[in-house]
Amino acid sequence: MVQRNIRFMTTGQLMTFCNVCQKMNADITVKDVTGRFEIDAKSIVGLMTIRMGEKMHLLIEGEEEHLADSYFEKFDCTPVTIPFS
């Protein structure tokens, strides 16, 4: 399992992010920091509910999780220092 913090500033970033997620052989979830909701990152409809500029948690689980850094290098991703659930 790979965990990162992520922030989206434009809807264009969301669309590009969704396209990248759809290419990965892994389950990818975006959660708000309060844990109130989680979104399948391969769903553009779900991702469009995110408020721009808000810090979110990114969780990658699956066969290609070890490639997460290379897939998401162009996004504002930072390692999680405290694990989230």
PDB file of N, CA and C in Angstrom:
ATOM      1  N   MET A   1       0.844  -1.174   0.000  1.00  0.00           N
ATOM      2  CA  MET A   1       0.000   0.000   0.000  1.00  0.00           C
ATOM      3  C   MET A   1       0.896   1.246   0.000  1.00  0.00           C
ATOM      4  N   VAL A   2       0.548   2.197  -0.850  1.00  0.00           N
ATOM      5  CA  VAL A   2       1.265   3.465  -0.939  1.00  0.00           C
ATOM      6  C   VAL A   2       0.287   4.571  -0.551  1.00  0.00           C
ATOM      7  N   GLN A   3       0.737   5.482   0.312  1.00  0.00           N
ATOM      8  CA  GLN A   3      -0.101   6.589   0.759  1.00  0.00           C
ATOM      9  C   GLN A   3       0.604   7.906   0.475  1.00  0.00           C
ATOM     10  N   ARG A   4      -0.147   8.850  -0.059  1.00  0.00           N
ATOM     11  CA  ARG A   4       0.390  10.171  -0.366  1.00  0.00           C
ATOM     12  C   ARG A   4      -0.669  11.223  -0.043  1.00  0.00           C
ATOM     13  N   ASN A   5      -0.216  12.448   0.159  1.00  0.00           N
ATOM     14  CA  ASN A   5      -1.115  13.596   0.188  1.00  0.00           C
ATOM     15  C   ASN A   5      -1.128  14.154  -1.222  1.00  0.00           C
ATOM     16  N   ILE A   6      -2.260  14.685  -1.649  1.00  0.00           N
ATOM     17  CA  ILE A   6      -2.365  15.239  -2.992  1.00  0.00           C
ATOM     18  C   ILE A   6      -3.274  16.455  -2.960  1.00  0.00           C
ATOM     19  N   ARG A   7      -3.023  17.384  -3.874  1.00  0.00           N
ATOM     20  CA  ARG A   7      -3.827  18.601  -3.960  1.00  0.00           C
ATOM     21  C   ARG A   7      -4.032  18.910  -5.446  1.00  0.00           C
ATOM     22  N   PHE A   8      -5.264  19.215  -5.813  1.00  0.00           N
ATOM     23  CA  PHE A   8      -5.594  19.569  -7.194  1.00  0.00           C
ATOM     24  C   PHE A   8      -5.963  21.046  -7.244  1.00  0.00           C
ATOM     25  N   MET A   9      -5.407  21.739  -8.238  1.00  0.00           N
ATOM     26  CA  MET A   9      -5.659  23.166  -8.355  1.00  0.00           C
ATOM     27  C   MET A   9      -6.599  23.510  -9.511  1.00  0.00           C
ATOM     28  N   THR A  10      -6.735  22.606 -10.487  1.00  0.00           N
ATOM     29  CA  THR A  10      -7.608  22.868 -11.637  1.00  0.00           C
ATOM     30  C   THR A  10      -8.379  21.605 -12.015  1.00  0.00           C
ATOM     31  N   THR A  11      -9.478  21.797 -12.722  1.00  0.00           N
ATOM     32  CA  THR A  11     -10.227  20.631 -13.208  1.00  0.00           C
ATOM     33  C   THR A  11      -9.413  19.877 -14.258  1.00  0.00           C
ATOM     34  N   GLY A  12      -8.561  20.578 -14.978  1.00  0.00           N
ATOM     35  CA  GLY A  12      -7.681  19.911 -15.934  1.00  0.00           C
ATOM     36  C   GLY A  12      -6.758  18.908 -15.252  1.00  0.00           C
ATOM     37  N   GLN A  13      -6.255  19.274 -14.091  1.00  0.00           N
ATOM     38  CA  GLN A  13      -5.418  18.347 -13.323  1.00  0.00           C
ATOM     39  C   GLN A  13      -6.221  17.114 -12.915  1.00  0.00           C
ATOM     40  N   LEU A  14      -7.461  17.322 -12.505  1.00  0.00           N
ATOM     41  CA  LEU A  14      -8.317  16.194 -12.129  1.00  0.00           C
ATOM     42  C   LEU A  14      -8.527  15.237 -13.299  1.00  0.00           C
ATOM     43  N   MET A  15      -8.777  15.795 -14.466  1.00  0.00           N
ATOM     44  CA  MET A  15      -9.013  14.966 -15.643  1.00  0.00           C
ATOM     45  C   MET A  15      -7.754  14.182 -16.020  1.00  0.00           C
ATOM     46  N   THR A  16      -6.609  14.834 -15.987  1.00  0.00           N
ATOM     47  CA  THR A  16      -5.346  14.158 -16.287  1.00  0.00           C
ATOM     48  C   THR A  16      -5.064  13.080 -15.246  1.00  0.00           C
ATOM     49  N   PHE A  17      -5.286  13.407 -13.976  1.00  0.00           N
ATOM     50  CA  PHE A  17      -5.089  12.456 -12.884  1.00  0.00           C
ATOM     51  C   PHE A  17      -5.961  11.222 -13.089  1.00  0.00           C
ATOM     52  N   CYS A  18      -7.220  11.416 -13.427  1.00  0.00           N
ATOM     53  CA  CYS A  18      -8.143  10.307 -13.646  1.00  0.00           C
ATOM     54  C   CYS A  18      -7.646   9.416 -14.793  1.00  0.00           C
ATOM     55  N   ASN A  19      -7.180  10.024 -15.864  1.00  0.00           N
ATOM     56  CA  ASN A  19      -6.650   9.258 -16.997  1.00  0.00           C
ATOM     57  C   ASN A  19      -5.444   8.419 -16.585  1.00  0.00           C
ATOM     58  N   VAL A  20      -4.560   8.990 -15.770  1.00  0.00           N
ATOM     59  CA  VAL A  20      -3.391   8.258 -15.285  1.00  0.00           C
ATOM     60  C   VAL A  20      -3.842   7.090 -14.406  1.00  0.00           C
ATOM     61  N   CYS A  21      -4.795   7.327 -13.524  1.00  0.00           N
ATOM     62  CA  CYS A  21      -5.292   6.282 -12.626  1.00  0.00           C
ATOM     63  C   CYS A  21      -5.900   5.122 -13.402  1.00  0.00           C
ATOM     64  N   GLN A  22      -6.625   5.436 -14.462  1.00  0.00           N
ATOM     65  CA  GLN A  22      -7.263   4.394 -15.267  1.00  0.00           C
ATOM     66  C   GLN A  22      -6.243   3.482 -15.943  1.00  0.00           C
ATOM     67  N   LYS A  23      -5.023   3.949 -16.136  1.00  0.00           N
ATOM     68  CA  LYS A  23      -3.974   3.141 -16.764  1.00  0.00           C
ATOM     69  C   LYS A  23      -3.270   2.216 -15.777  1.00  0.00           C
ATOM     70  N   MET A  24      -3.403   2.504 -14.488  1.00  0.00           N
ATOM     71  CA  MET A  24      -2.713   1.708 -13.470  1.00  0.00           C
ATOM     72  C   MET A  24      -3.489   0.453 -13.126  1.00  0.00           C
ATOM     73  N   ASN A  25      -2.749  -0.613 -12.877  1.00  0.00           N
ATOM     74  CA  ASN A  25      -3.343  -1.857 -12.415  1.00  0.00           C
ATOM     75  C   ASN A  25      -3.289  -1.858 -10.883  1.00  0.00           C
ATOM     76  N   ALA A  26      -4.159  -1.043 -10.300  1.00  0.00           N
ATOM     77  CA  ALA A  26      -4.219  -0.890  -8.842  1.00  0.00           C
ATOM     78  C   ALA A  26      -5.547  -0.226  -8.481  1.00  0.00           C
ATOM     79  N   ASP A  27      -5.955  -0.427  -7.243  1.00  0.00           N
ATOM     80  CA  ASP A  27      -7.108   0.288  -6.710  1.00  0.00           C
ATOM     81  C   ASP A  27      -6.589   1.609  -6.160  1.00  0.00           C
ATOM     82  N   ILE A  28      -7.201   2.707  -6.581  1.00  0.00           N
ATOM     83  CA  ILE A  28      -6.730   4.033  -6.177  1.00  0.00           C
ATOM     84  C   ILE A  28      -7.910   4.800  -5.587  1.00  0.00           C
ATOM     85  N   THR A  29      -7.725   5.269  -4.377  1.00  0.00           N
ATOM     86  CA  THR A  29      -8.776   5.969  -3.655  1.00  0.00           C
ATOM     87  C   THR A  29      -8.275   7.336  -3.224  1.00  0.00           C
ATOM     88  N   VAL A  30      -9.141   8.331  -3.343  1.00  0.00           N
ATOM     89  CA  VAL A  30      -8.861   9.676  -2.842  1.00  0.00           C
ATOM     90  C   VAL A  30      -9.832   9.912  -1.686  1.00  0.00           C
ATOM     91  N   LYS A  31      -9.283  10.326  -0.537  1.00  0.00           N
ATOM     92  CA  LYS A  31     -10.106  10.577   0.655  1.00  0.00           C
ATOM     93  C   LYS A  31      -9.887  12.002   1.128  1.00  0.00           C
ATOM     94  N   ASP A  32     -10.928  12.597   1.694  1.00  0.00           N
ATOM     95  CA  ASP A  32     -10.721  13.901   2.315  1.00  0.00           C
ATOM     96  C   ASP A  32     -10.006  13.688   3.640  1.00  0.00           C
ATOM     97  N   VAL A  33      -9.375  14.725   4.167  1.00  0.00           N
ATOM     98  CA  VAL A  33      -8.560  14.587   5.369  1.00  0.00           C
ATOM     99  C   VAL A  33      -9.377  14.256   6.609  1.00  0.00           C
ATOM    100  N   THR A  34     -10.659  14.544   6.596  1.00  0.00           N
ATOM    101  CA  THR A  34     -11.500  14.222   7.752  1.00  0.00           C
ATOM    102  C   THR A  34     -11.994  12.781   7.717  1.00  0.00           C
ATOM    103  N   GLY A  35     -11.857  12.127   6.569  1.00  0.00           N
ATOM    104  CA  GLY A  35     -12.319  10.750   6.435  1.00  0.00           C
ATOM    105  C   GLY A  35     -13.814  10.620   6.203  1.00  0.00           C
ATOM    106  N   ARG A  36     -14.483  11.738   5.907  1.00  0.00           N
ATOM    107  CA  ARG A  36     -15.937  11.698   5.703  1.00  0.00           C
ATOM    108  C   ARG A  36     -16.331  11.001   4.413  1.00  0.00           C
ATOM    109  N   PHE A  37     -15.503  11.121   3.375  1.00  0.00           N
ATOM    110  CA  PHE A  37     -15.847  10.470   2.112  1.00  0.00           C
ATOM    111  C   PHE A  37     -14.606   9.981   1.392  1.00  0.00           C
ATOM    112  N   GLU A  38     -14.804   9.000   0.533  1.00  0.00           N
ATOM    113  CA  GLU A  38     -13.723   8.511  -0.306  1.00  0.00           C
ATOM    114  C   GLU A  38     -14.237   8.351  -1.725  1.00  0.00           C
ATOM    115  N   ILE A  39     -13.334   8.520  -2.680  1.00  0.00           N
ATOM    116  CA  ILE A  39     -13.697   8.543  -4.098  1.00  0.00           C
ATOM    117  C   ILE A  39     -12.803   7.560  -4.847  1.00  0.00           C
ATOM    118  N   ASP A  40     -13.391   6.802  -5.744  1.00  0.00           N
ATOM    119  CA  ASP A  40     -12.626   5.961  -6.655  1.00  0.00           C
ATOM    120  C   ASP A  40     -11.924   6.905  -7.631  1.00  0.00           C
ATOM    121  N   ALA A  41     -10.602   6.914  -7.634  1.00  0.00           N
ATOM    122  CA  ALA A  41      -9.844   7.858  -8.454  1.00  0.00           C
ATOM    123  C   ALA A  41      -9.968   7.589  -9.946  1.00  0.00           C
ATOM    124  N   LYS A  42     -10.567   6.474 -10.320  1.00  0.00           N
ATOM    125  CA  LYS A  42     -10.764   6.171 -11.738  1.00  0.00           C
ATOM    126  C   LYS A  42     -12.106   6.698 -12.235  1.00  0.00           C
ATOM    127  N   SER A  43     -12.848   7.365 -11.351  1.00  0.00           N
ATOM    128  CA  SER A  43     -14.160   7.922 -11.677  1.00  0.00           C
ATOM    129  C   SER A  43     -14.077   9.444 -11.791  1.00  0.00           C
ATOM    130  N   ILE A  44     -14.174   9.956 -13.001  1.00  0.00           N
ATOM    131  CA  ILE A  44     -14.108  11.411 -13.194  1.00  0.00           C
ATOM    132  C   ILE A  44     -15.291  12.097 -12.518  1.00  0.00           C
ATOM    133  N   VAL A  45     -16.440  11.453 -12.508  1.00  0.00           N
ATOM    134  CA  VAL A  45     -17.623  12.040 -11.862  1.00  0.00           C
ATOM    135  C   VAL A  45     -17.361  12.213 -10.362  1.00  0.00           C
ATOM    136  N   GLY A  46     -16.778  11.213  -9.735  1.00  0.00           N
ATOM    137  CA  GLY A  46     -16.455  11.317  -8.316  1.00  0.00           C
ATOM    138  C   GLY A  46     -15.407  12.386  -8.046  1.00  0.00           C
ATOM    139  N   LEU A  47     -14.376  12.419  -8.881  1.00  0.00           N
ATOM    140  CA  LEU A  47     -13.299  13.391  -8.684  1.00  0.00           C
ATOM    141  C   LEU A  47     -13.778  14.825  -8.845  1.00  0.00           C
ATOM    142  N   MET A  48     -14.793  15.043  -9.659  1.00  0.00           N
ATOM    143  CA  MET A  48     -15.290  16.407  -9.873  1.00  0.00           C
ATOM    144  C   MET A  48     -15.978  16.983  -8.634  1.00  0.00           C
ATOM    145  N   THR A  49     -16.188  16.167  -7.599  1.00  0.00           N
ATOM    146  CA  THR A  49     -16.788  16.665  -6.358  1.00  0.00           C
ATOM    147  C   THR A  49     -15.743  17.265  -5.412  1.00  0.00           C
ATOM    148  N   ILE A  50     -14.469  17.124  -5.754  1.00  0.00           N
ATOM    149  CA  ILE A  50     -13.391  17.639  -4.913  1.00  0.00           C
ATOM    150  C   ILE A  50     -13.280  19.155  -5.059  1.00  0.00           C
ATOM    151  N   ARG A  51     -13.106  19.847  -3.940  1.00  0.00           N
ATOM    152  CA  ARG A  51     -12.866  21.294  -3.988  1.00  0.00           C
ATOM    153  C   ARG A  51     -11.412  21.548  -4.340  1.00  0.00           C
ATOM    154  N   MET A  52     -11.193  22.417  -5.291  1.00  0.00           N
ATOM    155  CA  MET A  52      -9.843  22.733  -5.740  1.00  0.00           C
ATOM    156  C   MET A  52      -9.019  23.336  -4.600  1.00  0.00           C
ATOM    157  N   GLY A  53      -7.777  22.917  -4.517  1.00  0.00           N
ATOM    158  CA  GLY A  53      -6.859  23.444  -3.517  1.00  0.00           C
ATOM    159  C   GLY A  53      -6.911  22.745  -2.178  1.00  0.00           C
ATOM    160  N   GLU A  54      -7.860  21.839  -1.973  1.00  0.00           N
ATOM    161  CA  GLU A  54      -8.007  21.147  -0.704  1.00  0.00           C
ATOM    162  C   GLU A  54      -7.075  19.942  -0.648  1.00  0.00           C
ATOM    163  N   LYS A  55      -6.364  19.773   0.453  1.00  0.00           N
ATOM    164  CA  LYS A  55      -5.478  18.621   0.608  1.00  0.00           C
ATOM    165  C   LYS A  55      -6.312  17.359   0.768  1.00  0.00           C
ATOM    166  N   MET A  56      -5.932  16.324   0.022  1.00  0.00           N
ATOM    167  CA  MET A  56      -6.626  15.037   0.057  1.00  0.00           C
ATOM    168  C   MET A  56      -5.588  13.947   0.312  1.00  0.00           C
ATOM    169  N   HIS A  57      -6.067  12.778   0.701  1.00  0.00           N
ATOM    170  CA  HIS A  57      -5.200  11.613   0.871  1.00  0.00           C
ATOM    171  C   HIS A  57      -5.387  10.700  -0.326  1.00  0.00           C
ATOM    172  N   LEU A  58      -4.296  10.154  -0.811  1.00  0.00           N
ATOM    173  CA  LEU A  58      -4.284   9.248  -1.946  1.00  0.00           C
ATOM    174  C   LEU A  58      -3.797   7.895  -1.447  1.00  0.00           C
ATOM    175  N   LEU A  59      -4.542   6.846  -1.749  1.00  0.00           N
ATOM    176  CA  LEU A  59      -4.214   5.488  -1.314  1.00  0.00           C
ATOM    177  C   LEU A  59      -4.165   4.599  -2.547  1.00  0.00           C
ATOM    178  N   ILE A  60      -3.028   3.940  -2.773  1.00  0.00           N
ATOM    179  CA  ILE A  60      -2.850   3.076  -3.931  1.00  0.00           C
ATOM    180  C   ILE A  60      -2.554   1.666  -3.428  1.00  0.00           C
ATOM    181  N   GLU A  61      -3.369   0.708  -3.857  1.00  0.00           N
ATOM    182  CA  GLU A  61      -3.192  -0.689  -3.464  1.00  0.00           C
ATOM    183  C   GLU A  61      -3.329  -1.571  -4.696  1.00  0.00           C
ATOM    184  N   GLY A  62      -2.341  -2.419  -4.919  1.00  0.00           N
ATOM    185  CA  GLY A  62      -2.455  -3.347  -6.030  1.00  0.00           C
ATOM    186  C   GLY A  62      -1.129  -3.657  -6.682  1.00  0.00           C
ATOM    187  N   GLU A  63      -1.231  -4.328  -7.802  1.00  0.00           N
ATOM    188  CA  GLU A  63      -0.068  -4.850  -8.513  1.00  0.00           C
ATOM    189  C   GLU A  63       0.965  -3.782  -8.879  1.00  0.00           C
ATOM    190  N   GLU A  64       0.517  -2.599  -9.260  1.00  0.00           N
ATOM    191  CA  GLU A  64       1.448  -1.549  -9.695  1.00  0.00           C
ATOM    192  C   GLU A  64       1.655  -0.442  -8.662  1.00  0.00           C
ATOM    193  N   GLU A  65       1.334  -0.704  -7.417  1.00  0.00           N
ATOM    194  CA  GLU A  65       1.472   0.339  -6.403  1.00  0.00           C
ATOM    195  C   GLU A  65       2.908   0.831  -6.285  1.00  0.00           C
ATOM    196  N   HIS A  66       3.884  -0.018  -6.550  1.00  0.00           N
ATOM    197  CA  HIS A  66       5.292   0.380  -6.457  1.00  0.00           C
ATOM    198  C   HIS A  66       5.671   1.408  -7.533  1.00  0.00           C
ATOM    199  N   LEU A  67       4.826   1.600  -8.536  1.00  0.00           N
ATOM    200  CA  LEU A  67       5.071   2.573  -9.596  1.00  0.00           C
ATOM    201  C   LEU A  67       4.384   3.918  -9.342  1.00  0.00           C
ATOM    202  N   ALA A  68       3.775   4.067  -8.189  1.00  0.00           N
ATOM    203  CA  ALA A  68       2.981   5.264  -7.886  1.00  0.00           C
ATOM    204  C   ALA A  68       3.762   6.555  -8.076  1.00  0.00           C
ATOM    205  N   ASP A  69       4.987   6.603  -7.587  1.00  0.00           N
ATOM    206  CA  ASP A  69       5.759   7.844  -7.693  1.00  0.00           C
ATOM    207  C   ASP A  69       6.003   8.229  -9.148  1.00  0.00           C
ATOM    208  N   SER A  70       6.279   7.264 -10.004  1.00  0.00           N
ATOM    209  CA  SER A  70       6.512   7.602 -11.406  1.00  0.00           C
ATOM    210  C   SER A  70       5.213   7.991 -12.115  1.00  0.00           C
ATOM    211  N   TYR A  71       4.096   7.370 -11.769  1.00  0.00           N
ATOM    212  CA  TYR A  71       2.813   7.719 -12.373  1.00  0.00           C
ATOM    213  C   TYR A  71       2.345   9.114 -11.961  1.00  0.00           C
ATOM    214  N   PHE A  72       2.591   9.473 -10.707  1.00  0.00           N
ATOM    215  CA  PHE A  72       2.034  10.712 -10.157  1.00  0.00           C
ATOM    216  C   PHE A  72       3.068  11.809  -9.954  1.00  0.00           C
ATOM    217  N   GLU A  73       4.226  11.716 -10.592  1.00  0.00           N
ATOM    218  CA  GLU A  73       5.290  12.693 -10.384  1.00  0.00           C
ATOM    219  C   GLU A  73       4.907  14.114 -10.787  1.00  0.00           C
ATOM    220  N   LYS A  74       3.978  14.276 -11.736  1.00  0.00           N
ATOM    221  CA  LYS A  74       3.619  15.630 -12.174  1.00  0.00           C
ATOM    222  C   LYS A  74       2.493  16.259 -11.350  1.00  0.00           C
ATOM    223  N   PHE A  75       2.031  15.553 -10.336  1.00  0.00           N
ATOM    224  CA  PHE A  75       0.982  16.084  -9.461  1.00  0.00           C
ATOM    225  C   PHE A  75       1.595  16.511  -8.133  1.00  0.00           C
ATOM    226  N   ASP A  76       0.888  17.343  -7.409  1.00  0.00           N
ATOM    227  CA  ASP A  76       1.348  17.847  -6.116  1.00  0.00           C
ATOM    228  C   ASP A  76       1.145  16.753  -5.067  1.00  0.00           C
ATOM    229  N   CYS A  77       2.043  15.761  -5.074  1.00  0.00           N
ATOM    230  CA  CYS A  77       1.967  14.633  -4.148  1.00  0.00           C
ATOM    231  C   CYS A  77       3.125  14.706  -3.155  1.00  0.00           C
ATOM    232  N   THR A  78       2.816  14.430  -1.912  1.00  0.00           N
ATOM    233  CA  THR A  78       3.851  14.360  -0.887  1.00  0.00           C
ATOM    234  C   THR A  78       3.618  13.105  -0.058  1.00  0.00           C
ATOM    235  N   PRO A  79       4.690  12.504   0.423  1.00  0.00           N
ATOM    236  CA  PRO A  79       4.526  11.313   1.267  1.00  0.00           C
ATOM    237  C   PRO A  79       3.731  11.636   2.525  1.00  0.00           C
ATOM    238  N   VAL A  80       3.008  10.657   3.006  1.00  0.00           N
ATOM    239  CA  VAL A  80       2.248  10.796   4.253  1.00  0.00           C
ATOM    240  C   VAL A  80       3.177  10.464   5.399  1.00  0.00           C
ATOM    241  N   THR A  81       3.280  11.367   6.358  1.00  0.00           N
ATOM    242  CA  THR A  81       4.160  11.126   7.502  1.00  0.00           C
ATOM    243  C   THR A  81       3.429  10.399   8.625  1.00  0.00           C
ATOM    244  N   ILE A  82       2.132  10.573   8.707  1.00  0.00           N
ATOM    245  CA  ILE A  82       1.317   9.878   9.705  1.00  0.00           C
ATOM    246  C   ILE A  82       0.307   9.037   8.929  1.00  0.00           C
ATOM    247  N   PRO A  83       0.301   7.722   9.118  1.00  0.00           N
ATOM    248  CA  PRO A  83      -0.635   6.885   8.369  1.00  0.00           C
ATOM    249  C   PRO A  83      -2.088   7.289   8.615  1.00  0.00           C
ATOM    250  N   PHE A  84      -2.894   7.149   7.602  1.00  0.00           N
ATOM    251  CA  PHE A  84      -4.333   7.421   7.736  1.00  0.00           C
ATOM    252  C   PHE A  84      -5.086   6.148   7.455  1.00  0.00           C
ATOM    253  N   SER A  85      -6.336   6.109   7.882  1.00  0.00           N
ATOM    254  CA  SER A  85      -7.139   4.896   7.664  1.00  0.00           C
ATOM    255  C   SER A  85      -8.312   5.194   6.781  1.00  0.00           C
TER     256      SER A  85
END
